[in-house]
Amino acid sequence: MIEKDRFIPIRIQKNHALLKRIVKNHPKRLVIESDQTRRLAGYKGEQAIDFHLSKLLEKEFLIFHDLRLSSGKHFFQIDTLILNHAFALILEVKNYGGTLYFDPDFNQLIQTNSKGEVKGYPNPIEQARVQCSEMKKWLLKRDINIPIEFFIVISKPSTILKTAPGHAKMLQKVLHVQLLLKSIEKIKASHKKKSYL
């Protein structure tokens, strides 16, 4: 059951309103357009998982989209949190195309798009690990001790995933969106006899 729906982020709405009002040759227009393109791609990637999540049994799972929680001094953001009586699952959604190379030496993600352009990003696996740690602290402050799992979900099925030889284990937590339900079922089976909530 969806407990917190996904809404168009306020920043996308603000950018949209600003782009309608700003002149075409304004020096900041390209910066705003670039930000809007990036944010819209992320939002569309998050929407891509909604169809798959709608197939989960409502009585077994609670789904929270776009969570922003405080760990005390700082806030942390989660694309999607799925709660079951035996585990919590954080989904970090990436809407990247082309080829994604998970570099274990420099702990970064390198994207090569269809035009051959190369971009570097922070490793989303590390991002998700930090989210798990923050979520664990948040839950423990409320006397809830439950296993927390995570997946990096790639919303474009055509995206090619690679890593260095001998590091395939690094990609165990990275999956294409069409494998999401099967992967959730595996986690559910591994926690079958446990109940924390």
N, C-alpha and C. Protein backbone atom coordinates (compact mmCIF):
# COMPACT_ATOMS: atom_id res chain seq x y z
N MET A 1 0.84 -1.17 0.00
CA MET A 1 0.00 0.00 0.00
C MET A 1 0.89 1.24 0.00
N ILE A 2 0.55 2.19 -0.83
CA ILE A 2 1.32 3.42 -0.89
C ILE A 2 0.90 4.32 0.27
N GLU A 3 1.85 4.59 1.16
CA GLU A 3 1.60 5.42 2.33
C GLU A 3 1.98 6.88 2.06
N LYS A 4 2.97 7.09 1.19
CA LYS A 4 3.36 8.45 0.80
C LYS A 4 3.56 8.44 -0.70
N ASP A 5 2.70 9.17 -1.40
CA ASP A 5 2.73 9.22 -2.85
C ASP A 5 3.91 10.02 -3.37
N ARG A 6 4.17 9.83 -4.65
CA ARG A 6 5.20 10.60 -5.32
C ARG A 6 4.56 11.83 -5.95
N PHE A 7 5.13 12.99 -5.70
CA PHE A 7 4.63 14.23 -6.27
C PHE A 7 5.74 14.90 -7.06
N ILE A 8 5.36 15.75 -7.99
CA ILE A 8 6.36 16.49 -8.75
C ILE A 8 7.14 17.37 -7.77
N PRO A 9 8.45 17.21 -7.72
CA PRO A 9 9.25 17.99 -6.76
C PRO A 9 9.07 19.49 -6.95
N ILE A 10 9.08 20.22 -5.87
CA ILE A 10 8.87 21.67 -5.89
C ILE A 10 9.92 22.36 -6.75
N ARG A 11 11.15 21.85 -6.75
CA ARG A 11 12.22 22.47 -7.56
C ARG A 11 11.88 22.39 -9.05
N ILE A 12 11.30 21.28 -9.49
CA ILE A 12 10.89 21.16 -10.89
C ILE A 12 9.79 22.16 -11.19
N GLN A 13 8.85 22.30 -10.27
CA GLN A 13 7.77 23.27 -10.47
C GLN A 13 8.30 24.70 -10.53
N LYS A 14 9.26 25.02 -9.64
CA LYS A 14 9.84 26.35 -9.64
C LYS A 14 10.61 26.63 -10.93
N ASN A 15 11.43 25.65 -11.35
CA ASN A 15 12.18 25.81 -12.60
C ASN A 15 11.22 26.03 -13.78
N HIS A 16 10.14 25.26 -13.81
CA HIS A 16 9.16 25.37 -14.89
C HIS A 16 8.57 26.78 -14.92
N ALA A 17 8.18 27.28 -13.77
CA ALA A 17 7.59 28.62 -13.69
C ALA A 17 8.62 29.68 -14.10
N LEU A 18 9.86 29.51 -13.66
CA LEU A 18 10.90 30.47 -13.97
C LEU A 18 11.21 30.49 -15.47
N LEU A 19 11.28 29.31 -16.08
CA LEU A 19 11.58 29.24 -17.51
C LEU A 19 10.48 29.84 -18.38
N LYS A 20 9.26 29.85 -17.87
CA LYS A 20 8.15 30.48 -18.61
C LYS A 20 8.28 32.00 -18.58
N ARG A 21 8.98 32.53 -17.58
CA ARG A 21 9.03 33.98 -17.38
C ARG A 21 10.35 34.63 -17.79
N ILE A 22 11.41 33.85 -17.82
CA ILE A 22 12.73 34.41 -18.09
C ILE A 22 12.96 34.54 -19.60
N VAL A 23 13.63 35.60 -20.01
CA VAL A 23 13.87 35.81 -21.45
C VAL A 23 14.85 34.77 -21.98
N LYS A 24 14.74 34.49 -23.28
CA LYS A 24 15.54 33.43 -23.92
C LYS A 24 17.05 33.68 -23.82
N ASN A 25 17.47 34.94 -23.84
CA ASN A 25 18.91 35.23 -23.83
C ASN A 25 19.45 35.60 -22.45
N HIS A 26 18.69 35.31 -21.41
CA HIS A 26 19.15 35.60 -20.04
C HIS A 26 20.39 34.73 -19.75
N PRO A 27 21.42 35.31 -19.12
CA PRO A 27 22.66 34.55 -18.88
C PRO A 27 22.47 33.31 -17.98
N LYS A 28 21.45 33.27 -17.18
CA LYS A 28 21.23 32.12 -16.28
C LYS A 28 20.29 31.06 -16.89
N ARG A 29 19.72 31.35 -18.05
CA ARG A 29 18.73 30.44 -18.62
C ARG A 29 19.29 29.03 -18.87
N LEU A 30 20.49 28.95 -19.43
CA LEU A 30 21.08 27.64 -19.72
C LEU A 30 21.32 26.83 -18.44
N VAL A 31 21.70 27.49 -17.37
CA VAL A 31 21.92 26.82 -16.08
C VAL A 31 20.59 26.25 -15.57
N ILE A 32 19.53 27.05 -15.67
CA ILE A 32 18.21 26.61 -15.20
C ILE A 32 17.70 25.47 -16.07
N GLU A 33 17.86 25.58 -17.39
CA GLU A 33 17.42 24.52 -18.30
C GLU A 33 18.16 23.21 -18.03
N SER A 34 19.46 23.32 -17.80
CA SER A 34 20.27 22.13 -17.50
C SER A 34 19.80 21.47 -16.19
N ASP A 35 19.57 22.29 -15.18
CA ASP A 35 19.08 21.78 -13.90
C ASP A 35 17.71 21.12 -14.07
N GLN A 36 16.85 21.75 -14.85
CA GLN A 36 15.51 21.21 -15.08
C GLN A 36 15.57 19.87 -15.81
N THR A 37 16.41 19.78 -16.83
CA THR A 37 16.56 18.53 -17.59
C THR A 37 17.02 17.40 -16.68
N ARG A 38 18.01 17.68 -15.83
CA ARG A 38 18.55 16.67 -14.91
C ARG A 38 17.50 16.23 -13.89
N ARG A 39 16.78 17.20 -13.35
CA ARG A 39 15.77 16.88 -12.33
C ARG A 39 14.58 16.12 -12.94
N LEU A 40 14.17 16.51 -14.14
CA LEU A 40 13.07 15.80 -14.80
C LEU A 40 13.45 14.36 -15.11
N ALA A 41 14.69 14.15 -15.54
CA ALA A 41 15.16 12.78 -15.82
C ALA A 41 15.12 11.94 -14.56
N GLY A 42 15.56 12.51 -13.45
CA GLY A 42 15.52 11.78 -12.17
C GLY A 42 14.10 11.45 -11.76
N TYR A 43 13.21 12.42 -11.91
CA TYR A 43 11.80 12.21 -11.54
C TYR A 43 11.16 11.14 -12.43
N LYS A 44 11.43 11.18 -13.72
CA LYS A 44 10.88 10.17 -14.64
C LYS A 44 11.43 8.78 -14.32
N GLY A 45 12.69 8.72 -13.91
CA GLY A 45 13.28 7.44 -13.50
C GLY A 45 12.57 6.88 -12.28
N GLU A 46 12.27 7.76 -11.32
CA GLU A 46 11.55 7.32 -10.12
C GLU A 46 10.13 6.86 -10.48
N GLN A 47 9.49 7.56 -11.41
CA GLN A 47 8.15 7.15 -11.84
C GLN A 47 8.18 5.78 -12.53
N ALA A 48 9.28 5.46 -13.19
CA ALA A 48 9.38 4.19 -13.93
C ALA A 48 9.26 2.98 -13.02
N ILE A 49 9.59 3.12 -11.74
CA ILE A 49 9.49 1.97 -10.85
C ILE A 49 8.07 1.79 -10.29
N ASP A 50 7.25 2.84 -10.39
CA ASP A 50 5.91 2.80 -9.78
C ASP A 50 5.05 1.67 -10.33
N PHE A 51 5.12 1.43 -11.64
CA PHE A 51 4.34 0.35 -12.25
C PHE A 51 4.71 -0.99 -11.62
N HIS A 52 5.99 -1.22 -11.46
CA HIS A 52 6.46 -2.49 -10.89
C HIS A 52 6.05 -2.62 -9.43
N LEU A 53 6.18 -1.54 -8.68
CA LEU A 53 5.82 -1.58 -7.26
C LEU A 53 4.32 -1.77 -7.06
N SER A 54 3.51 -1.36 -8.03
CA SER A 54 2.06 -1.52 -7.91
C SER A 54 1.65 -3.00 -7.90
N LYS A 55 2.56 -3.88 -8.29
CA LYS A 55 2.27 -5.31 -8.31
C LYS A 55 2.55 -6.00 -6.96
N LEU A 56 3.16 -5.27 -6.03
CA LEU A 56 3.40 -5.85 -4.70
C LEU A 56 2.08 -6.00 -3.96
N LEU A 57 1.99 -7.02 -3.12
CA LEU A 57 0.78 -7.24 -2.33
C LEU A 57 0.62 -6.12 -1.30
N GLU A 58 -0.50 -5.43 -1.36
CA GLU A 58 -0.72 -4.28 -0.49
C GLU A 58 -0.70 -4.65 1.00
N LYS A 59 -1.16 -5.85 1.32
CA LYS A 59 -1.21 -6.23 2.74
C LYS A 59 0.17 -6.56 3.31
N GLU A 60 1.17 -6.74 2.45
CA GLU A 60 2.51 -7.11 2.91
C GLU A 60 3.51 -5.96 2.91
N PHE A 61 3.23 -4.90 2.15
CA PHE A 61 4.23 -3.85 1.99
C PHE A 61 3.62 -2.47 2.13
N LEU A 62 4.37 -1.59 2.76
CA LEU A 62 4.05 -0.16 2.81
C LEU A 62 5.11 0.55 1.99
N ILE A 63 4.67 1.47 1.12
CA ILE A 63 5.59 2.16 0.22
C ILE A 63 5.55 3.65 0.51
N PHE A 64 6.74 4.22 0.68
CA PHE A 64 6.89 5.66 0.93
C PHE A 64 7.81 6.23 -0.14
N HIS A 65 7.32 7.18 -0.91
CA HIS A 65 8.13 7.82 -1.94
C HIS A 65 8.65 9.17 -1.43
N ASP A 66 9.82 9.54 -1.91
CA ASP A 66 10.40 10.87 -1.64
C ASP A 66 10.38 11.23 -0.16
N LEU A 67 11.06 10.44 0.64
CA LEU A 67 11.14 10.72 2.07
C LEU A 67 12.31 11.65 2.36
N ARG A 68 12.08 12.58 3.23
CA ARG A 68 13.13 13.45 3.74
C ARG A 68 13.01 13.42 5.26
N LEU A 69 13.99 12.80 5.90
CA LEU A 69 13.93 12.60 7.34
C LEU A 69 15.13 13.25 8.01
N SER A 70 14.95 13.58 9.26
CA SER A 70 16.03 14.19 10.04
C SER A 70 16.67 13.14 10.94
N SER A 71 17.99 13.11 10.89
CA SER A 71 18.72 12.21 11.79
C SER A 71 19.20 12.96 13.03
N GLY A 72 18.73 14.16 13.22
CA GLY A 72 19.14 14.99 14.34
C GLY A 72 19.71 16.30 13.83
N LYS A 73 20.99 16.27 13.46
CA LYS A 73 21.63 17.47 12.94
C LYS A 73 21.37 17.67 11.45
N HIS A 74 21.21 16.56 10.72
CA HIS A 74 21.13 16.63 9.26
C HIS A 74 19.87 15.92 8.75
N PHE A 75 19.55 16.21 7.50
CA PHE A 75 18.45 15.53 6.83
C PHE A 75 19.04 14.53 5.84
N PHE A 76 18.28 13.46 5.58
CA PHE A 76 18.65 12.54 4.52
C PHE A 76 17.41 12.25 3.69
N GLN A 77 17.64 11.96 2.42
CA GLN A 77 16.54 11.78 1.46
C GLN A 77 16.59 10.37 0.89
N ILE A 78 15.42 9.77 0.75
CA ILE A 78 15.29 8.42 0.19
C ILE A 78 14.28 8.48 -0.95
N ASP A 79 14.68 7.96 -2.12
CA ASP A 79 13.77 7.94 -3.27
C ASP A 79 12.51 7.14 -2.94
N THR A 80 12.70 5.90 -2.51
CA THR A 80 11.57 5.03 -2.15
C THR A 80 11.98 4.12 -1.00
N LEU A 81 11.12 4.05 0.00
CA LEU A 81 11.31 3.14 1.13
C LEU A 81 10.16 2.15 1.13
N ILE A 82 10.49 0.87 1.19
CA ILE A 82 9.48 -0.19 1.26
C ILE A 82 9.62 -0.87 2.61
N LEU A 83 8.51 -0.94 3.34
CA LEU A 83 8.51 -1.61 4.64
C LEU A 83 7.69 -2.89 4.58
N ASN A 84 8.24 -3.91 5.18
CA ASN A 84 7.60 -5.21 5.35
C ASN A 84 7.71 -5.52 6.83
N HIS A 85 6.95 -6.49 7.34
CA HIS A 85 7.03 -6.80 8.77
C HIS A 85 8.41 -7.32 9.18
N ALA A 86 9.23 -7.76 8.20
CA ALA A 86 10.52 -8.36 8.53
C ALA A 86 11.73 -7.57 8.05
N PHE A 87 11.53 -6.56 7.21
CA PHE A 87 12.68 -5.80 6.70
C PHE A 87 12.22 -4.47 6.12
N ALA A 88 13.21 -3.57 5.95
CA ALA A 88 13.00 -2.31 5.24
C ALA A 88 13.91 -2.36 4.01
N LEU A 89 13.43 -1.78 2.93
CA LEU A 89 14.20 -1.78 1.68
C LEU A 89 14.25 -0.36 1.12
N ILE A 90 15.46 0.14 0.93
CA ILE A 90 15.66 1.45 0.33
C ILE A 90 15.97 1.27 -1.15
N LEU A 91 15.25 2.02 -1.98
CA LEU A 91 15.51 2.00 -3.42
C LEU A 91 16.07 3.36 -3.83
N GLU A 92 17.26 3.34 -4.37
CA GLU A 92 17.87 4.54 -4.94
C GLU A 92 17.76 4.38 -6.45
N VAL A 93 16.98 5.24 -7.09
CA VAL A 93 16.66 5.10 -8.50
C VAL A 93 17.56 6.00 -9.33
N LYS A 94 18.14 5.42 -10.39
CA LYS A 94 18.98 6.18 -11.32
C LYS A 94 18.42 6.03 -12.73
N ASN A 95 18.24 7.15 -13.40
CA ASN A 95 17.70 7.15 -14.76
C ASN A 95 18.83 7.48 -15.73
N TYR A 96 19.89 6.69 -15.71
CA TYR A 96 21.05 6.91 -16.56
C TYR A 96 20.99 5.95 -17.75
N GLY A 97 21.35 6.46 -18.91
CA GLY A 97 21.42 5.62 -20.11
C GLY A 97 22.86 5.35 -20.49
N GLY A 98 23.04 4.65 -21.60
CA GLY A 98 24.38 4.34 -22.10
C GLY A 98 25.01 3.21 -21.32
N THR A 99 26.28 3.37 -21.02
CA THR A 99 27.04 2.36 -20.27
C THR A 99 27.46 2.95 -18.92
N LEU A 100 27.20 2.21 -17.86
CA LEU A 100 27.59 2.62 -16.51
C LEU A 100 28.71 1.71 -16.04
N TYR A 101 29.83 2.31 -15.70
CA TYR A 101 30.97 1.56 -15.19
C TYR A 101 31.16 1.91 -13.72
N PHE A 102 31.00 0.92 -12.87
CA PHE A 102 31.19 1.09 -11.43
C PHE A 102 32.67 0.86 -11.14
N ASP A 103 33.39 1.95 -10.92
CA ASP A 103 34.84 1.90 -10.75
C ASP A 103 35.18 1.61 -9.28
N PRO A 104 35.70 0.40 -8.99
CA PRO A 104 36.02 0.05 -7.61
C PRO A 104 37.28 0.74 -7.09
N ASP A 105 38.17 1.15 -7.98
CA ASP A 105 39.42 1.77 -7.54
C ASP A 105 39.20 3.17 -7.00
N PHE A 106 38.38 3.95 -7.69
CA PHE A 106 38.12 5.33 -7.27
C PHE A 106 36.74 5.51 -6.67
N ASN A 107 36.02 4.40 -6.52
CA ASN A 107 34.69 4.41 -5.89
C ASN A 107 33.78 5.47 -6.52
N GLN A 108 33.66 5.37 -7.84
CA GLN A 108 32.81 6.31 -8.55
C GLN A 108 32.05 5.59 -9.66
N LEU A 109 31.06 6.26 -10.18
CA LEU A 109 30.27 5.76 -11.30
C LEU A 109 30.63 6.58 -12.53
N ILE A 110 30.97 5.91 -13.62
CA ILE A 110 31.33 6.59 -14.86
C ILE A 110 30.30 6.22 -15.92
N GLN A 111 29.68 7.23 -16.48
CA GLN A 111 28.66 7.02 -17.52
C GLN A 111 29.23 7.44 -18.87
N THR A 112 29.06 6.56 -19.85
CA THR A 112 29.36 6.89 -21.24
C THR A 112 28.04 6.84 -21.98
N ASN A 113 27.61 8.01 -22.50
CA ASN A 113 26.30 8.03 -23.17
C ASN A 113 26.43 7.62 -24.63
N SER A 114 25.31 7.63 -25.35
CA SER A 114 25.28 7.15 -26.73
C SER A 114 26.12 8.03 -27.67
N LYS A 115 26.44 9.24 -27.26
CA LYS A 115 27.28 10.13 -28.08
C LYS A 115 28.76 9.97 -27.75
N GLY A 116 29.06 9.09 -26.80
CA GLY A 116 30.45 8.88 -26.40
C GLY A 116 30.94 9.85 -25.33
N GLU A 117 30.04 10.69 -24.82
CA GLU A 117 30.41 11.64 -23.77
C GLU A 117 30.53 10.89 -22.44
N VAL A 118 31.55 11.24 -21.67
CA VAL A 118 31.82 10.57 -20.41
C VAL A 118 31.57 11.53 -19.24
N LYS A 119 30.83 11.04 -18.24
CA LYS A 119 30.56 11.84 -17.03
C LYS A 119 30.84 10.98 -15.81
N GLY A 120 31.30 11.61 -14.77
CA GLY A 120 31.54 10.91 -13.51
C GLY A 120 30.53 11.33 -12.46
N TYR A 121 30.14 10.37 -11.62
CA TYR A 121 29.19 10.62 -10.54
C TYR A 121 29.69 9.92 -9.28
N PRO A 122 29.23 10.39 -8.12
CA PRO A 122 29.53 9.63 -6.90
C PRO A 122 28.92 8.23 -7.01
N ASN A 123 29.54 7.29 -6.36
CA ASN A 123 29.05 5.91 -6.40
C ASN A 123 27.69 5.81 -5.69
N PRO A 124 26.61 5.44 -6.40
CA PRO A 124 25.30 5.36 -5.75
C PRO A 124 25.22 4.24 -4.72
N ILE A 125 26.11 3.25 -4.81
CA ILE A 125 26.12 2.18 -3.80
C ILE A 125 26.51 2.78 -2.45
N GLU A 126 27.52 3.65 -2.46
CA GLU A 126 27.92 4.32 -1.22
C GLU A 126 26.81 5.24 -0.72
N GLN A 127 26.16 5.92 -1.64
CA GLN A 127 25.03 6.79 -1.27
C GLN A 127 23.96 5.98 -0.55
N ALA A 128 23.62 4.81 -1.08
CA ALA A 128 22.59 3.96 -0.47
C ALA A 128 23.05 3.41 0.88
N ARG A 129 24.34 3.10 1.00
CA ARG A 129 24.85 2.62 2.30
C ARG A 129 24.71 3.70 3.37
N VAL A 130 24.99 4.94 2.99
CA VAL A 130 24.82 6.05 3.93
C VAL A 130 23.35 6.19 4.31
N GLN A 131 22.45 6.08 3.33
CA GLN A 131 21.02 6.16 3.61
C GLN A 131 20.59 5.06 4.57
N CYS A 132 21.12 3.85 4.38
CA CYS A 132 20.81 2.73 5.29
C CYS A 132 21.26 3.05 6.70
N SER A 133 22.46 3.59 6.83
CA SER A 133 23.00 3.94 8.14
C SER A 133 22.14 5.01 8.81
N GLU A 134 21.77 6.04 8.07
CA GLU A 134 20.92 7.11 8.62
C GLU A 134 19.54 6.58 8.99
N MET A 135 18.99 5.70 8.14
CA MET A 135 17.67 5.13 8.41
C MET A 135 17.71 4.27 9.66
N LYS A 136 18.79 3.52 9.82
CA LYS A 136 18.97 2.67 11.01
C LYS A 136 18.94 3.54 12.28
N LYS A 137 19.70 4.66 12.25
CA LYS A 137 19.72 5.57 13.40
C LYS A 137 18.33 6.13 13.67
N TRP A 138 17.65 6.53 12.60
CA TRP A 138 16.31 7.12 12.72
C TRP A 138 15.35 6.12 13.37
N LEU A 139 15.41 4.86 12.93
CA LEU A 139 14.53 3.82 13.48
C LEU A 139 14.88 3.49 14.92
N LEU A 140 16.18 3.39 15.22
CA LEU A 140 16.60 3.05 16.58
C LEU A 140 16.18 4.11 17.59
N LYS A 141 16.14 5.39 17.17
CA LYS A 141 15.65 6.45 18.06
C LYS A 141 14.18 6.23 18.41
N ARG A 142 13.49 5.43 17.59
CA ARG A 142 12.08 5.12 17.82
C ARG A 142 11.90 3.69 18.31
N ASP A 143 13.00 3.11 18.81
CA ASP A 143 13.00 1.74 19.35
C ASP A 143 12.54 0.70 18.33
N ILE A 144 12.94 0.90 17.08
CA ILE A 144 12.65 -0.08 16.02
C ILE A 144 13.98 -0.60 15.51
N ASN A 145 14.16 -1.90 15.60
CA ASN A 145 15.39 -2.53 15.12
C ASN A 145 15.00 -3.56 14.07
N ILE A 146 15.20 -3.20 12.82
CA ILE A 146 14.78 -4.04 11.70
C ILE A 146 15.91 -4.05 10.66
N PRO A 147 16.14 -5.18 9.99
CA PRO A 147 17.17 -5.21 8.93
C PRO A 147 16.80 -4.24 7.81
N ILE A 148 17.82 -3.55 7.30
CA ILE A 148 17.60 -2.61 6.20
C ILE A 148 18.45 -3.06 5.01
N GLU A 149 17.79 -3.26 3.89
CA GLU A 149 18.44 -3.66 2.64
C GLU A 149 18.37 -2.47 1.68
N PHE A 150 19.10 -2.56 0.58
CA PHE A 150 18.99 -1.52 -0.45
C PHE A 150 19.25 -2.09 -1.83
N PHE A 151 18.72 -1.40 -2.82
CA PHE A 151 19.02 -1.66 -4.23
C PHE A 151 19.23 -0.34 -4.94
N ILE A 152 20.13 -0.34 -5.89
CA ILE A 152 20.25 0.75 -6.85
C ILE A 152 19.46 0.27 -8.07
N VAL A 153 18.40 0.97 -8.39
CA VAL A 153 17.52 0.54 -9.49
C VAL A 153 17.79 1.43 -10.70
N ILE A 154 18.19 0.79 -11.79
CA ILE A 154 18.44 1.49 -13.05
C ILE A 154 17.15 1.44 -13.85
N SER A 155 16.56 2.61 -14.10
CA SER A 155 15.21 2.65 -14.69
C SER A 155 15.19 2.42 -16.19
N LYS A 156 16.32 2.52 -16.87
CA LYS A 156 16.36 2.28 -18.32
C LYS A 156 16.86 0.86 -18.57
N PRO A 157 16.01 -0.01 -19.09
CA PRO A 157 16.41 -1.40 -19.31
C PRO A 157 17.57 -1.57 -20.29
N SER A 158 17.79 -0.60 -21.16
CA SER A 158 18.86 -0.72 -22.16
C SER A 158 20.23 -0.32 -21.63
N THR A 159 20.29 0.22 -20.42
CA THR A 159 21.56 0.65 -19.84
C THR A 159 22.46 -0.55 -19.59
N ILE A 160 23.71 -0.44 -20.00
CA ILE A 160 24.69 -1.52 -19.83
C ILE A 160 25.46 -1.26 -18.53
N LEU A 161 25.56 -2.30 -17.71
CA LEU A 161 26.25 -2.20 -16.42
C LEU A 161 27.58 -2.95 -16.50
N LYS A 162 28.65 -2.29 -16.05
CA LYS A 162 29.97 -2.91 -16.07
C LYS A 162 30.74 -2.56 -14.80
N THR A 163 31.71 -3.40 -14.51
CA THR A 163 32.69 -3.11 -13.46
C THR A 163 33.99 -3.81 -13.81
N ALA A 164 35.02 -3.60 -13.02
CA ALA A 164 36.32 -4.21 -13.28
C ALA A 164 36.26 -5.71 -13.07
N PRO A 165 37.10 -6.48 -13.81
CA PRO A 165 37.15 -7.93 -13.61
C PRO A 165 37.41 -8.26 -12.14
N GLY A 166 36.69 -9.25 -11.65
CA GLY A 166 36.85 -9.68 -10.26
C GLY A 166 36.03 -8.88 -9.27
N HIS A 167 35.24 -7.93 -9.76
CA HIS A 167 34.45 -7.08 -8.86
C HIS A 167 32.95 -7.20 -9.14
N ALA A 168 32.53 -8.30 -9.76
CA ALA A 168 31.11 -8.47 -10.11
C ALA A 168 30.22 -8.42 -8.86
N LYS A 169 30.76 -8.82 -7.71
CA LYS A 169 29.98 -8.79 -6.47
C LYS A 169 29.50 -7.37 -6.15
N MET A 170 30.27 -6.39 -6.61
CA MET A 170 29.92 -4.99 -6.40
C MET A 170 28.55 -4.66 -6.99
N LEU A 171 28.18 -5.38 -8.06
CA LEU A 171 26.93 -5.08 -8.75
C LEU A 171 25.74 -5.91 -8.24
N GLN A 172 25.92 -6.67 -7.18
CA GLN A 172 24.81 -7.46 -6.65
C GLN A 172 23.65 -6.59 -6.17
N LYS A 173 23.94 -5.38 -5.79
CA LYS A 173 22.91 -4.47 -5.29
C LYS A 173 22.40 -3.53 -6.38
N VAL A 174 22.88 -3.71 -7.61
CA VAL A 174 22.48 -2.87 -8.74
C VAL A 174 21.66 -3.72 -9.69
N LEU A 175 20.48 -3.21 -10.07
CA LEU A 175 19.62 -4.01 -10.95
C LEU A 175 18.78 -3.12 -11.86
N HIS A 176 18.40 -3.71 -12.97
CA HIS A 176 17.47 -3.03 -13.87
C HIS A 176 16.06 -3.14 -13.28
N VAL A 177 15.23 -2.17 -13.62
CA VAL A 177 13.90 -2.07 -13.03
C VAL A 177 13.07 -3.34 -13.23
N GLN A 178 13.23 -4.04 -14.36
CA GLN A 178 12.41 -5.22 -14.61
C GLN A 178 12.75 -6.38 -13.68
N LEU A 179 13.87 -6.30 -12.95
CA LEU A 179 14.25 -7.34 -11.99
C LEU A 179 13.85 -6.98 -10.56
N LEU A 180 13.21 -5.84 -10.39
CA LEU A 180 12.93 -5.34 -9.05
C LEU A 180 12.03 -6.28 -8.25
N LEU A 181 10.91 -6.71 -8.81
CA LEU A 181 9.98 -7.57 -8.06
C LEU A 181 10.62 -8.90 -7.67
N LYS A 182 11.35 -9.48 -8.60
CA LYS A 182 12.03 -10.75 -8.32
C LYS A 182 13.03 -10.57 -7.17
N SER A 183 13.74 -9.45 -7.18
CA SER A 183 14.73 -9.18 -6.14
C SER A 183 14.08 -8.92 -4.79
N ILE A 184 12.92 -8.25 -4.80
CA ILE A 184 12.19 -8.03 -3.55
C ILE A 184 11.71 -9.37 -2.99
N GLU A 185 11.25 -10.23 -3.86
CA GLU A 185 10.80 -11.56 -3.41
C GLU A 185 11.94 -12.36 -2.79
N LYS A 186 13.14 -12.24 -3.33
CA LYS A 186 14.31 -12.93 -2.75
C LYS A 186 14.60 -12.42 -1.34
N ILE A 187 14.53 -11.11 -1.17
CA ILE A 187 14.76 -10.54 0.17
C ILE A 187 13.67 -11.00 1.12
N LYS A 188 12.44 -10.99 0.65
CA LYS A 188 11.31 -11.43 1.48
C LYS A 188 11.51 -12.88 1.91
N ALA A 189 11.95 -13.73 1.00
CA ALA A 189 12.18 -15.14 1.33
C ALA A 189 13.30 -15.30 2.34
N SER A 190 14.33 -14.47 2.25
CA SER A 190 15.46 -14.59 3.17
C SER A 190 15.10 -14.12 4.58
N HIS A 191 14.05 -13.33 4.72
CA HIS A 191 13.60 -12.83 6.04
C HIS A 191 12.26 -13.44 6.44
N LYS A 192 11.88 -14.52 5.79
CA LYS A 192 10.52 -15.08 5.91
C LYS A 192 10.10 -15.37 7.33
N LYS A 193 10.95 -15.92 8.14
CA LYS A 193 10.54 -16.37 9.47
C LYS A 193 10.68 -15.29 10.54
N LYS A 194 11.10 -14.10 10.13
CA LYS A 194 11.34 -13.05 11.11
C LYS A 194 10.22 -12.02 11.04
N SER A 195 9.95 -11.41 12.15
CA SER A 195 8.97 -10.31 12.20
C SER A 195 9.42 -9.30 13.24
N TYR A 196 9.54 -8.04 12.82
CA TYR A 196 10.03 -7.00 13.72
C TYR A 196 8.97 -5.96 14.03
N LEU A 197 7.96 -5.88 13.17
CA LEU A 197 6.96 -4.83 13.34
C LEU A 197 5.63 -5.40 13.82
